[in-house]
Amino acid sequence: APYSGPAQGRIVFAMDATASRQPHWDRAAHIQAEMFDAVGNIGTLDI
């Protein structure tokens, strides 16, 4: 890990990557930033 110290929260972000889901995968790849943005002022998050 390129950081030290524990985070305030740890989340596993799991996805079905079977063939029919490529468009949904691409969408989620960009949307996931909201998780980090939401906690920027209250703590740290490891995903």
ModelCIF file with pLDDT and N, C-alpha, C, O atoms, coordinates in Angstrom:
data_MODEL
#
_entry.id   MODEL 
#
_entity.id                         1 
_entity.type                       polymer 
_entity.pdbx_number_of_molecules   1 
#
_entity_poly.entity_id                      1 
_entity_poly.type                           'polypeptide(L)' 
_entity_poly.nstd_linkage                   no 
_entity_poly.nstd_monomer                   no 
_entity_poly.pdbx_seq_one_letter_code       APYSGPAQGRIVFAMDATASRQPHWDRAAHIQAEMFDAVGNIGTLDI 
_entity_poly.pdbx_seq_one_letter_code_can   APYSGPAQGRIVFAMDATASRQPHWDRAAHIQAEMFDAVGNIGTLDI 
_entity_poly.pdbx_strand_id                 A 
#
loop_
_entity_poly_seq.entity_id 
_entity_poly_seq.num 
_entity_poly_seq.mon_id 
_entity_poly_seq.hetero 
1 1  ALA n 
1 2  PRO n 
1 3  TYR n 
1 4  SER n 
1 5  GLY n 
1 6  PRO n 
1 7  ALA n 
1 8  GLN n 
1 9  GLY n 
1 10 ARG n 
1 11 ILE n 
1 12 VAL n 
1 13 PHE n 
1 14 ALA n 
1 15 MET n 
1 16 ASP n 
1 17 ALA n 
1 18 THR n 
1 19 ALA n 
1 20 SER n 
1 21 ARG n 
1 22 GLN n 
1 23 PRO n 
1 24 HIS n 
1 25 TRP n 
1 26 ASP n 
1 27 ARG n 
1 28 ALA n 
1 29 ALA n 
1 30 HIS n 
1 31 ILE n 
1 32 GLN n 
1 33 ALA n 
1 34 GLU n 
1 35 MET n 
1 36 PHE n 
1 37 ASP n 
1 38 ALA n 
1 39 VAL n 
1 40 GLY n 
1 41 ASN n 
1 42 ILE n 
1 43 GLY n 
1 44 THR n 
1 45 LEU n 
1 46 ASP n 
1 47 ILE n 
#
_struct_asym.id          A 
_struct_asym.entity_id   1 
#
loop_
_ma_qa_metric.id 
_ma_qa_metric.mode 
_ma_qa_metric.name 
_ma_qa_metric.software_group_id 
_ma_qa_metric.type 
1 global pLDDT . pLDDT 
2 local  pLDDT . pLDDT 
#
_ma_qa_metric_global.metric_id      1 
_ma_qa_metric_global.metric_value   70.40 
_ma_qa_metric_global.model_id       1 
_ma_qa_metric_global.ordinal_id     1 
#
loop_
_ma_qa_metric_local.label_asym_id 
_ma_qa_metric_local.label_comp_id 
_ma_qa_metric_local.label_seq_id 
_ma_qa_metric_local.metric_id 
_ma_qa_metric_local.metric_value 
_ma_qa_metric_local.model_id 
_ma_qa_metric_local.ordinal_id 
A ALA 1  2 35.00 1 1  
A PRO 2  2 39.00 1 2  
A TYR 3  2 40.00 1 3  
A SER 4  2 45.00 1 4  
A GLY 5  2 55.00 1 5  
A PRO 6  2 57.00 1 6  
A ALA 7  2 60.00 1 7  
A GLN 8  2 81.00 1 8  
A GLY 9  2 89.00 1 9  
A ARG 10 2 92.00 1 10 
A ILE 11 2 91.00 1 11 
A VAL 12 2 92.00 1 12 
A PHE 13 2 88.00 1 13 
A ALA 14 2 89.00 1 14 
A MET 15 2 83.00 1 15 
A ASP 16 2 79.00 1 16 
A ALA 17 2 72.00 1 17 
A THR 18 2 65.00 1 18 
A ALA 19 2 56.00 1 19 
A SER 20 2 61.00 1 20 
A ARG 21 2 60.00 1 21 
A GLN 22 2 62.00 1 22 
A PRO 23 2 65.00 1 23 
A HIS 24 2 67.00 1 24 
A TRP 25 2 65.00 1 25 
A ASP 26 2 65.00 1 26 
A ARG 27 2 69.00 1 27 
A ALA 28 2 67.00 1 28 
A ALA 29 2 64.00 1 29 
A HIS 30 2 66.00 1 30 
A ILE 31 2 69.00 1 31 
A GLN 32 2 70.00 1 32 
A ALA 33 2 69.00 1 33 
A GLU 34 2 73.00 1 34 
A MET 35 2 76.00 1 35 
A PHE 36 2 74.00 1 36 
A ASP 37 2 79.00 1 37 
A ALA 38 2 76.00 1 38 
A VAL 39 2 77.00 1 39 
A GLY 40 2 73.00 1 40 
A ASN 41 2 68.00 1 41 
A ILE 42 2 71.00 1 42 
A GLY 43 2 76.00 1 43 
A THR 44 2 81.00 1 44 
A LEU 45 2 84.00 1 45 
A ASP 46 2 87.00 1 46 
A ILE 47 2 87.00 1 47 
#
loop_
_atom_site.group_PDB 
_atom_site.id 
_atom_site.type_symbol 
_atom_site.label_atom_id 
_atom_site.label_alt_id 
_atom_site.label_comp_id 
_atom_site.label_asym_id 
_atom_site.label_entity_id 
_atom_site.label_seq_id 
_atom_site.pdbx_PDB_ins_code 
_atom_site.Cartn_x 
_atom_site.Cartn_y 
_atom_site.Cartn_z 
_atom_site.occupancy 
_atom_site.B_iso_or_equiv 
_atom_site.pdbx_formal_charge 
_atom_site.auth_seq_id 
_atom_site.auth_comp_id 
_atom_site.auth_asym_id 
_atom_site.auth_atom_id 
_atom_site.pdbx_PDB_model_num 
ATOM 1   N N  . ALA A 1 1  ? 0.826   -1.203  0.000   1.00 35.00 ? 1  ALA A N  1 
ATOM 2   C CA . ALA A 1 1  ? 0.000   0.000   0.000   1.00 35.00 ? 1  ALA A CA 1 
ATOM 3   C C  . ALA A 1 1  ? 0.861   1.253   0.000   1.00 35.00 ? 1  ALA A C  1 
ATOM 4   O O  . ALA A 1 1  ? 1.842   1.318   0.741   1.00 35.00 ? 1  ALA A O  1 
ATOM 5   N N  . PRO A 1 2  ? 0.514   2.269   -0.827  1.00 39.00 ? 2  PRO A N  1 
ATOM 6   C CA . PRO A 1 2  ? 1.335   3.467   -0.942  1.00 39.00 ? 2  PRO A CA 1 
ATOM 7   C C  . PRO A 1 2  ? 1.003   4.517   0.101   1.00 39.00 ? 2  PRO A C  1 
ATOM 8   O O  . PRO A 1 2  ? 1.185   5.708   -0.151  1.00 39.00 ? 2  PRO A O  1 
ATOM 9   N N  . TYR A 1 3  ? 0.521   4.106   1.271   1.00 40.00 ? 3  TYR A N  1 
ATOM 10  C CA . TYR A 1 3  ? 0.174   5.054   2.320   1.00 40.00 ? 3  TYR A CA 1 
ATOM 11  C C  . TYR A 1 3  ? 0.369   4.354   3.651   1.00 40.00 ? 3  TYR A C  1 
ATOM 12  O O  . TYR A 1 3  ? 0.560   3.139   3.700   1.00 40.00 ? 3  TYR A O  1 
ATOM 13  N N  . SER A 1 4  ? 0.321   5.111   4.719   1.00 45.00 ? 4  SER A N  1 
ATOM 14  C CA . SER A 1 4  ? 0.456   4.523   6.045   1.00 45.00 ? 4  SER A CA 1 
ATOM 15  C C  . SER A 1 4  ? -0.724  4.943   6.906   1.00 45.00 ? 4  SER A C  1 
ATOM 16  O O  . SER A 1 4  ? -1.383  5.947   6.636   1.00 45.00 ? 4  SER A O  1 
ATOM 17  N N  . GLY A 1 5  ? -0.976  4.169   7.933   1.00 55.00 ? 5  GLY A N  1 
ATOM 18  C CA . GLY A 1 5  ? -2.049  4.494   8.857   1.00 55.00 ? 5  GLY A CA 1 
ATOM 19  C C  . GLY A 1 5  ? -3.376  3.906   8.415   1.00 55.00 ? 5  GLY A C  1 
ATOM 20  O O  . GLY A 1 5  ? -3.627  3.777   7.217   1.00 55.00 ? 5  GLY A O  1 
ATOM 21  N N  . PRO A 1 6  ? -4.229  3.546   9.366   1.00 57.00 ? 6  PRO A N  1 
ATOM 22  C CA . PRO A 1 6  ? -5.512  2.930   9.039   1.00 57.00 ? 6  PRO A CA 1 
ATOM 23  C C  . PRO A 1 6  ? -6.509  3.950   8.504   1.00 57.00 ? 6  PRO A C  1 
ATOM 24  O O  . PRO A 1 6  ? -6.462  5.127   8.861   1.00 57.00 ? 6  PRO A O  1 
ATOM 25  N N  . ALA A 1 7  ? -7.398  3.492   7.656   1.00 60.00 ? 7  ALA A N  1 
ATOM 26  C CA . ALA A 1 7  ? -8.488  4.333   7.172   1.00 60.00 ? 7  ALA A CA 1 
ATOM 27  C C  . ALA A 1 7  ? -9.650  4.250   8.154   1.00 60.00 ? 7  ALA A C  1 
ATOM 28  O O  . ALA A 1 7  ? -9.717  3.344   8.985   1.00 60.00 ? 7  ALA A O  1 
ATOM 29  N N  . GLN A 1 8  ? -10.566 5.216   8.043   1.00 81.00 ? 8  GLN A N  1 
ATOM 30  C CA . GLN A 1 8  ? -11.762 5.180   8.885   1.00 81.00 ? 8  GLN A CA 1 
ATOM 31  C C  . GLN A 1 8  ? -12.798 4.203   8.358   1.00 81.00 ? 8  GLN A C  1 
ATOM 32  O O  . GLN A 1 8  ? -13.718 3.829   9.086   1.00 81.00 ? 8  GLN A O  1 
ATOM 33  N N  . GLY A 1 9  ? -12.667 3.783   7.108   1.00 89.00 ? 9  GLY A N  1 
ATOM 34  C CA . GLY A 1 9  ? -13.612 2.827   6.553   1.00 89.00 ? 9  GLY A CA 1 
ATOM 35  C C  . GLY A 1 9  ? -12.971 1.980   5.476   1.00 89.00 ? 9  GLY A C  1 
ATOM 36  O O  . GLY A 1 9  ? -12.091 2.437   4.747   1.00 89.00 ? 9  GLY A O  1 
ATOM 37  N N  . ARG A 1 10 ? -13.429 0.723   5.383   1.00 92.00 ? 10 ARG A N  1 
ATOM 38  C CA . ARG A 1 10 ? -12.910 -0.198  4.358   1.00 92.00 ? 10 ARG A CA 1 
ATOM 39  C C  . ARG A 1 10 ? -14.091 -0.851  3.651   1.00 92.00 ? 10 ARG A C  1 
ATOM 40  O O  . ARG A 1 10 ? -14.968 -1.440  4.283   1.00 92.00 ? 10 ARG A O  1 
ATOM 41  N N  . ILE A 1 11 ? -14.095 -0.733  2.322   1.00 91.00 ? 11 ILE A N  1 
ATOM 42  C CA . ILE A 1 11 ? -15.188 -1.236  1.503   1.00 91.00 ? 11 ILE A CA 1 
ATOM 43  C C  . ILE A 1 11 ? -14.639 -2.121  0.395   1.00 91.00 ? 11 ILE A C  1 
ATOM 44  O O  . ILE A 1 11 ? -13.662 -1.768  -0.266  1.00 91.00 ? 11 ILE A O  1 
ATOM 45  N N  . VAL A 1 12 ? -15.272 -3.273  0.197   1.00 92.00 ? 12 VAL A N  1 
ATOM 46  C CA . VAL A 1 12 ? -15.002 -4.080  -0.985  1.00 92.00 ? 12 VAL A CA 1 
ATOM 47  C C  . VAL A 1 12 ? -16.060 -3.735  -2.028  1.00 92.00 ? 12 VAL A C  1 
ATOM 48  O O  . VAL A 1 12 ? -17.259 -3.852  -1.772  1.00 92.00 ? 12 VAL A O  1 
ATOM 49  N N  . PHE A 1 13 ? -15.610 -3.310  -3.196  1.00 88.00 ? 13 PHE A N  1 
ATOM 50  C CA . PHE A 1 13 ? -16.479 -2.904  -4.298  1.00 88.00 ? 13 PHE A CA 1 
ATOM 51  C C  . PHE A 1 13 ? -16.409 -4.021  -5.338  1.00 88.00 ? 13 PHE A C  1 
ATOM 52  O O  . PHE A 1 13 ? -15.426 -4.133  -6.071  1.00 88.00 ? 13 PHE A O  1 
ATOM 53  N N  . ALA A 1 14 ? -17.451 -4.841  -5.396  1.00 89.00 ? 14 ALA A N  1 
ATOM 54  C CA . ALA A 1 14 ? -17.431 -6.051  -6.227  1.00 89.00 ? 14 ALA A CA 1 
ATOM 55  C C  . ALA A 1 14 ? -18.387 -5.912  -7.395  1.00 89.00 ? 14 ALA A C  1 
ATOM 56  O O  . ALA A 1 14 ? -19.468 -5.334  -7.278  1.00 89.00 ? 14 ALA A O  1 
ATOM 57  N N  . MET A 1 15 ? -17.957 -6.462  -8.537  1.00 83.00 ? 15 MET A N  1 
ATOM 58  C CA . MET A 1 15 ? -18.774 -6.353  -9.737  1.00 83.00 ? 15 MET A CA 1 
ATOM 59  C C  . MET A 1 15 ? -18.744 -7.622  -10.570 1.00 83.00 ? 15 MET A C  1 
ATOM 60  O O  . MET A 1 15 ? -17.734 -8.323  -10.642 1.00 83.00 ? 15 MET A O  1 
ATOM 61  N N  . ASP A 1 16 ? -19.868 -7.893  -11.191 1.00 79.00 ? 16 ASP A N  1 
ATOM 62  C CA . ASP A 1 16 ? -19.992 -8.952  -12.181 1.00 79.00 ? 16 ASP A CA 1 
ATOM 63  C C  . ASP A 1 16 ? -19.353 -8.446  -13.473 1.00 79.00 ? 16 ASP A C  1 
ATOM 64  O O  . ASP A 1 16 ? -19.819 -7.466  -14.055 1.00 79.00 ? 16 ASP A O  1 
ATOM 65  N N  . ALA A 1 17 ? -18.290 -9.109  -13.921 1.00 72.00 ? 17 ALA A N  1 
ATOM 66  C CA . ALA A 1 17 ? -17.600 -8.697  -15.150 1.00 72.00 ? 17 ALA A CA 1 
ATOM 67  C C  . ALA A 1 17 ? -17.789 -9.725  -16.255 1.00 72.00 ? 17 ALA A C  1 
ATOM 68  O O  . ALA A 1 17 ? -16.904 -9.922  -17.088 1.00 72.00 ? 17 ALA A O  1 
ATOM 69  N N  . THR A 1 18 ? -18.954 -10.385 -16.258 1.00 65.00 ? 18 THR A N  1 
ATOM 70  C CA . THR A 1 18 ? -19.246 -11.290 -17.355 1.00 65.00 ? 18 THR A CA 1 
ATOM 71  C C  . THR A 1 18 ? -19.633 -10.475 -18.588 1.00 65.00 ? 18 THR A C  1 
ATOM 72  O O  . THR A 1 18 ? -19.882 -9.274  -18.487 1.00 65.00 ? 18 THR A O  1 
ATOM 73  N N  . ALA A 1 19 ? -19.685 -11.129 -19.752 1.00 56.00 ? 19 ALA A N  1 
ATOM 74  C CA . ALA A 1 19 ? -19.656 -10.444 -21.042 1.00 56.00 ? 19 ALA A CA 1 
ATOM 75  C C  . ALA A 1 19 ? -20.727 -9.373  -21.224 1.00 56.00 ? 19 ALA A C  1 
ATOM 76  O O  . ALA A 1 19 ? -20.446 -8.321  -21.799 1.00 56.00 ? 19 ALA A O  1 
ATOM 77  N N  . SER A 1 20 ? -21.929 -9.610  -20.757 1.00 61.00 ? 20 SER A N  1 
ATOM 78  C CA . SER A 1 20 ? -23.028 -8.679  -21.020 1.00 61.00 ? 20 SER A CA 1 
ATOM 79  C C  . SER A 1 20 ? -22.916 -7.376  -20.254 1.00 61.00 ? 20 SER A C  1 
ATOM 80  O O  . SER A 1 20 ? -23.704 -6.457  -20.479 1.00 61.00 ? 20 SER A O  1 
ATOM 81  N N  . ARG A 1 21 ? -21.952 -7.282  -19.355 1.00 60.00 ? 21 ARG A N  1 
ATOM 82  C CA . ARG A 1 21 ? -21.928 -6.144  -18.453 1.00 60.00 ? 21 ARG A CA 1 
ATOM 83  C C  . ARG A 1 21 ? -20.876 -5.079  -18.779 1.00 60.00 ? 21 ARG A C  1 
ATOM 84  O O  . ARG A 1 21 ? -20.642 -4.188  -17.961 1.00 60.00 ? 21 ARG A O  1 
ATOM 85  N N  . GLN A 1 22 ? -20.244 -5.147  -19.942 1.00 62.00 ? 22 GLN A N  1 
ATOM 86  C CA . GLN A 1 22 ? -19.200 -4.181  -20.267 1.00 62.00 ? 22 GLN A CA 1 
ATOM 87  C C  . GLN A 1 22 ? -19.682 -2.727  -20.223 1.00 62.00 ? 22 GLN A C  1 
ATOM 88  O O  . GLN A 1 22 ? -18.991 -1.894  -19.638 1.00 62.00 ? 22 GLN A O  1 
ATOM 89  N N  . PRO A 1 23 ? -20.837 -2.378  -20.814 1.00 65.00 ? 23 PRO A N  1 
ATOM 90  C CA . PRO A 1 23 ? -21.287 -0.976  -20.735 1.00 65.00 ? 23 PRO A CA 1 
ATOM 91  C C  . PRO A 1 23 ? -21.513 -0.510  -19.303 1.00 65.00 ? 23 PRO A C  1 
ATOM 92  O O  . PRO A 1 23 ? -21.190 0.626   -18.958 1.00 65.00 ? 23 PRO A O  1 
ATOM 93  N N  . HIS A 1 24 ? -22.067 -1.386  -18.470 1.00 67.00 ? 24 HIS A N  1 
ATOM 94  C CA . HIS A 1 24 ? -22.325 -1.034  -17.074 1.00 67.00 ? 24 HIS A CA 1 
ATOM 95  C C  . HIS A 1 24 ? -21.011 -0.908  -16.297 1.00 67.00 ? 24 HIS A C  1 
ATOM 96  O O  . HIS A 1 24 ? -20.883 -0.065  -15.410 1.00 67.00 ? 24 HIS A O  1 
ATOM 97  N N  . TRP A 1 25 ? -20.055 -1.744  -16.637 1.00 65.00 ? 25 TRP A N  1 
ATOM 98  C CA . TRP A 1 25 ? -18.739 -1.675  -15.989 1.00 65.00 ? 25 TRP A CA 1 
ATOM 99  C C  . TRP A 1 25 ? -18.085 -0.333  -16.283 1.00 65.00 ? 25 TRP A C  1 
ATOM 100 O O  . TRP A 1 25 ? -17.572 0.320   -15.374 1.00 65.00 ? 25 TRP A O  1 
ATOM 101 N N  . ASP A 1 26 ? -18.099 0.083   -17.541 1.00 65.00 ? 26 ASP A N  1 
ATOM 102 C CA . ASP A 1 26 ? -17.475 1.349   -17.929 1.00 65.00 ? 26 ASP A CA 1 
ATOM 103 C C  . ASP A 1 26 ? -18.127 2.520   -17.202 1.00 65.00 ? 26 ASP A C  1 
ATOM 104 O O  . ASP A 1 26 ? -17.447 3.458   -16.784 1.00 65.00 ? 26 ASP A O  1 
ATOM 105 N N  . ARG A 1 27 ? -19.437 2.460   -17.054 1.00 69.00 ? 27 ARG A N  1 
ATOM 106 C CA . ARG A 1 27 ? -20.147 3.524   -16.342 1.00 69.00 ? 27 ARG A CA 1 
ATOM 107 C C  . ARG A 1 27 ? -19.720 3.577   -14.883 1.00 69.00 ? 27 ARG A C  1 
ATOM 108 O O  . ARG A 1 27 ? -19.437 4.652   -14.353 1.00 69.00 ? 27 ARG A O  1 
ATOM 109 N N  . ALA A 1 28 ? -19.673 2.431   -14.241 1.00 67.00 ? 28 ALA A N  1 
ATOM 110 C CA . ALA A 1 28 ? -19.315 2.388   -12.823 1.00 67.00 ? 28 ALA A CA 1 
ATOM 111 C C  . ALA A 1 28 ? -17.875 2.821   -12.586 1.00 67.00 ? 28 ALA A C  1 
ATOM 112 O O  . ALA A 1 28 ? -17.557 3.359   -11.525 1.00 67.00 ? 28 ALA A O  1 
ATOM 113 N N  . ALA A 1 29 ? -17.006 2.593   -13.558 1.00 64.00 ? 29 ALA A N  1 
ATOM 114 C CA . ALA A 1 29 ? -15.599 2.971   -13.410 1.00 64.00 ? 29 ALA A CA 1 
ATOM 115 C C  . ALA A 1 29 ? -15.452 4.465   -13.155 1.00 64.00 ? 29 ALA A C  1 
ATOM 116 O O  . ALA A 1 29 ? -14.539 4.889   -12.446 1.00 64.00 ? 29 ALA A O  1 
ATOM 117 N N  . HIS A 1 30 ? -16.332 5.248   -13.720 1.00 66.00 ? 30 HIS A N  1 
ATOM 118 C CA . HIS A 1 30 ? -16.263 6.697   -13.532 1.00 66.00 ? 30 HIS A CA 1 
ATOM 119 C C  . HIS A 1 30 ? -17.100 7.163   -12.337 1.00 66.00 ? 30 HIS A C  1 
ATOM 120 O O  . HIS A 1 30 ? -16.742 8.127   -11.660 1.00 66.00 ? 30 HIS A O  1 
ATOM 121 N N  . ILE A 1 31 ? -18.194 6.488   -12.088 1.00 69.00 ? 31 ILE A N  1 
ATOM 122 C CA . ILE A 1 31 ? -19.084 6.884   -10.992 1.00 69.00 ? 31 ILE A CA 1 
ATOM 123 C C  . ILE A 1 31 ? -18.460 6.657   -9.620  1.00 69.00 ? 31 ILE A C  1 
ATOM 124 O O  . ILE A 1 31 ? -18.767 7.391   -8.681  1.00 69.00 ? 31 ILE A O  1 
ATOM 125 N N  . GLN A 1 32 ? -17.589 5.655   -9.482  1.00 70.00 ? 32 GLN A N  1 
ATOM 126 C CA . GLN A 1 32 ? -17.061 5.287   -8.177  1.00 70.00 ? 32 GLN A CA 1 
ATOM 127 C C  . GLN A 1 32 ? -16.361 6.420   -7.447  1.00 70.00 ? 32 GLN A C  1 
ATOM 128 O O  . GLN A 1 32 ? -16.190 6.348   -6.230  1.00 70.00 ? 32 GLN A O  1 
ATOM 129 N N  . ALA A 1 33 ? -15.946 7.477   -8.165  1.00 69.00 ? 33 ALA A N  1 
ATOM 130 C CA . ALA A 1 33 ? -15.264 8.603   -7.520  1.00 69.00 ? 33 ALA A CA 1 
ATOM 131 C C  . ALA A 1 33 ? -16.111 9.246   -6.430  1.00 69.00 ? 33 ALA A C  1 
ATOM 132 O O  . ALA A 1 33 ? -15.580 9.849   -5.497  1.00 69.00 ? 33 ALA A O  1 
ATOM 133 N N  . GLU A 1 34 ? -17.418 9.116   -6.548  1.00 73.00 ? 34 GLU A N  1 
ATOM 134 C CA . GLU A 1 34 ? -18.310 9.731   -5.562  1.00 73.00 ? 34 GLU A CA 1 
ATOM 135 C C  . GLU A 1 34 ? -18.065 9.182   -4.159  1.00 73.00 ? 34 GLU A C  1 
ATOM 136 O O  . GLU A 1 34 ? -18.270 9.897   -3.178  1.00 73.00 ? 34 GLU A O  1 
ATOM 137 N N  . MET A 1 35 ? -17.633 7.936   -4.045  1.00 76.00 ? 35 MET A N  1 
ATOM 138 C CA . MET A 1 35 ? -17.374 7.363   -2.724  1.00 76.00 ? 35 MET A CA 1 
ATOM 139 C C  . MET A 1 35 ? -16.249 8.114   -2.019  1.00 76.00 ? 35 MET A C  1 
ATOM 140 O O  . MET A 1 35 ? -16.337 8.403   -0.825  1.00 76.00 ? 35 MET A O  1 
ATOM 141 N N  . PHE A 1 36 ? -15.200 8.425   -2.760  1.00 74.00 ? 36 PHE A N  1 
ATOM 142 C CA . PHE A 1 36 ? -14.079 9.162   -2.167  1.00 74.00 ? 36 PHE A CA 1 
ATOM 143 C C  . PHE A 1 36 ? -14.451 10.620  -1.910  1.00 74.00 ? 36 PHE A C  1 
ATOM 144 O O  . PHE A 1 36 ? -14.101 11.187  -0.875  1.00 74.00 ? 36 PHE A O  1 
ATOM 145 N N  . ASP A 1 37 ? -15.168 11.223  -2.868  1.00 79.00 ? 37 ASP A N  1 
ATOM 146 C CA . ASP A 1 37 ? -15.544 12.624  -2.718  1.00 79.00 ? 37 ASP A CA 1 
ATOM 147 C C  . ASP A 1 37 ? -16.443 12.838  -1.501  1.00 79.00 ? 37 ASP A C  1 
ATOM 148 O O  . ASP A 1 37 ? -16.325 13.841  -0.797  1.00 79.00 ? 37 ASP A O  1 
ATOM 149 N N  . ALA A 1 38 ? -17.337 11.887  -1.267  1.00 76.00 ? 38 ALA A N  1 
ATOM 150 C CA . ALA A 1 38 ? -18.321 12.041  -0.195  1.00 76.00 ? 38 ALA A CA 1 
ATOM 151 C C  . ALA A 1 38 ? -17.680 12.100  1.179   1.00 76.00 ? 38 ALA A C  1 
ATOM 152 O O  . ALA A 1 38 ? -18.212 12.750  2.079   1.00 76.00 ? 38 ALA A O  1 
ATOM 153 N N  . VAL A 1 39 ? -16.542 11.431  1.357   1.00 77.00 ? 39 VAL A N  1 
ATOM 154 C CA . VAL A 1 39 ? -15.927 11.367  2.687   1.00 77.00 ? 39 VAL A CA 1 
ATOM 155 C C  . VAL A 1 39 ? -14.674 12.233  2.788   1.00 77.00 ? 39 VAL A C  1 
ATOM 156 O O  . VAL A 1 39 ? -13.933 12.142  3.766   1.00 77.00 ? 39 VAL A O  1 
ATOM 157 N N  . GLY A 1 40 ? -14.440 13.062  1.793   1.00 73.00 ? 40 GLY A N  1 
ATOM 158 C CA . GLY A 1 40 ? -13.210 13.851  1.768   1.00 73.00 ? 40 GLY A CA 1 
ATOM 159 C C  . GLY A 1 40 ? -13.002 14.730  2.978   1.00 73.00 ? 40 GLY A C  1 
ATOM 160 O O  . GLY A 1 40 ? -11.865 14.965  3.386   1.00 73.00 ? 40 GLY A O  1 
ATOM 161 N N  . ASN A 1 41 ? -14.084 15.220  3.561   1.00 68.00 ? 41 ASN A N  1 
ATOM 162 C CA . ASN A 1 41 ? -13.969 16.145  4.694   1.00 68.00 ? 41 ASN A CA 1 
ATOM 163 C C  . ASN A 1 41 ? -14.184 15.487  6.048   1.00 68.00 ? 41 ASN A C  1 
ATOM 164 O O  . ASN A 1 41 ? -14.076 16.148  7.081   1.00 68.00 ? 41 ASN A O  1 
ATOM 165 N N  . ILE A 1 42 ? -14.492 14.176  6.055   1.00 71.00 ? 42 ILE A N  1 
ATOM 166 C CA . ILE A 1 42 ? -14.799 13.555  7.348   1.00 71.00 ? 42 ILE A CA 1 
ATOM 167 C C  . ILE A 1 42 ? -13.891 12.381  7.679   1.00 71.00 ? 42 ILE A C  1 
ATOM 168 O O  . ILE A 1 42 ? -13.937 11.879  8.802   1.00 71.00 ? 42 ILE A O  1 
ATOM 169 N N  . GLY A 1 43 ? -13.075 11.930  6.747   1.00 76.00 ? 43 GLY A N  1 
ATOM 170 C CA . GLY A 1 43 ? -12.199 10.801  7.047   1.00 76.00 ? 43 GLY A CA 1 
ATOM 171 C C  . GLY A 1 43 ? -11.617 10.212  5.782   1.00 76.00 ? 43 GLY A C  1 
ATOM 172 O O  . GLY A 1 43 ? -11.696 10.807  4.708   1.00 76.00 ? 43 GLY A O  1 
ATOM 173 N N  . THR A 1 44 ? -11.031 9.035   5.921   1.00 81.00 ? 44 THR A N  1 
ATOM 174 C CA . THR A 1 44 ? -10.413 8.363   4.785   1.00 81.00 ? 44 THR A CA 1 
ATOM 175 C C  . THR A 1 44 ? -11.084 7.021   4.537   1.00 81.00 ? 44 THR A C  1 
ATOM 176 O O  . THR A 1 44 ? -11.645 6.403   5.442   1.00 81.00 ? 44 THR A O  1 
ATOM 177 N N  . LEU A 1 45 ? -11.009 6.591   3.288   1.00 84.00 ? 45 LEU A N  1 
ATOM 178 C CA . LEU A 1 45 ? -11.696 5.387   2.860   1.00 84.00 ? 45 LEU A CA 1 
ATOM 179 C C  . LEU A 1 45 ? -10.751 4.535   2.021   1.00 84.00 ? 45 LEU A C  1 
ATOM 180 O O  . LEU A 1 45 ? -10.103 5.034   1.101   1.00 84.00 ? 45 LEU A O  1 
ATOM 181 N N  . ASP A 1 46 ? -10.680 3.253   2.344   1.00 87.00 ? 46 ASP A N  1 
ATOM 182 C CA . ASP A 1 46 ? -9.933  2.297   1.534   1.00 87.00 ? 46 ASP A CA 1 
ATOM 183 C C  . ASP A 1 46 ? -10.936 1.427   0.791   1.00 87.00 ? 46 ASP A C  1 
ATOM 184 O O  . ASP A 1 46 ? -11.900 0.936   1.377   1.00 87.00 ? 46 ASP A O  1 
ATOM 185 N N  . ILE A 1 47 ? -10.700 1.238   -0.515  1.00 87.00 ? 47 ILE A N  1 
ATOM 186 C CA . ILE A 1 47 ? -11.599 0.427   -1.333  1.00 87.00 ? 47 ILE A CA 1 
ATOM 187 C C  . ILE A 1 47 ? -10.791 -0.610  -2.095  1.00 87.00 ? 47 ILE A C  1 
ATOM 188 O O  . ILE A 1 47 ? -11.357 -1.402  -2.849  1.00 87.00 ? 47 ILE A O  1 
#
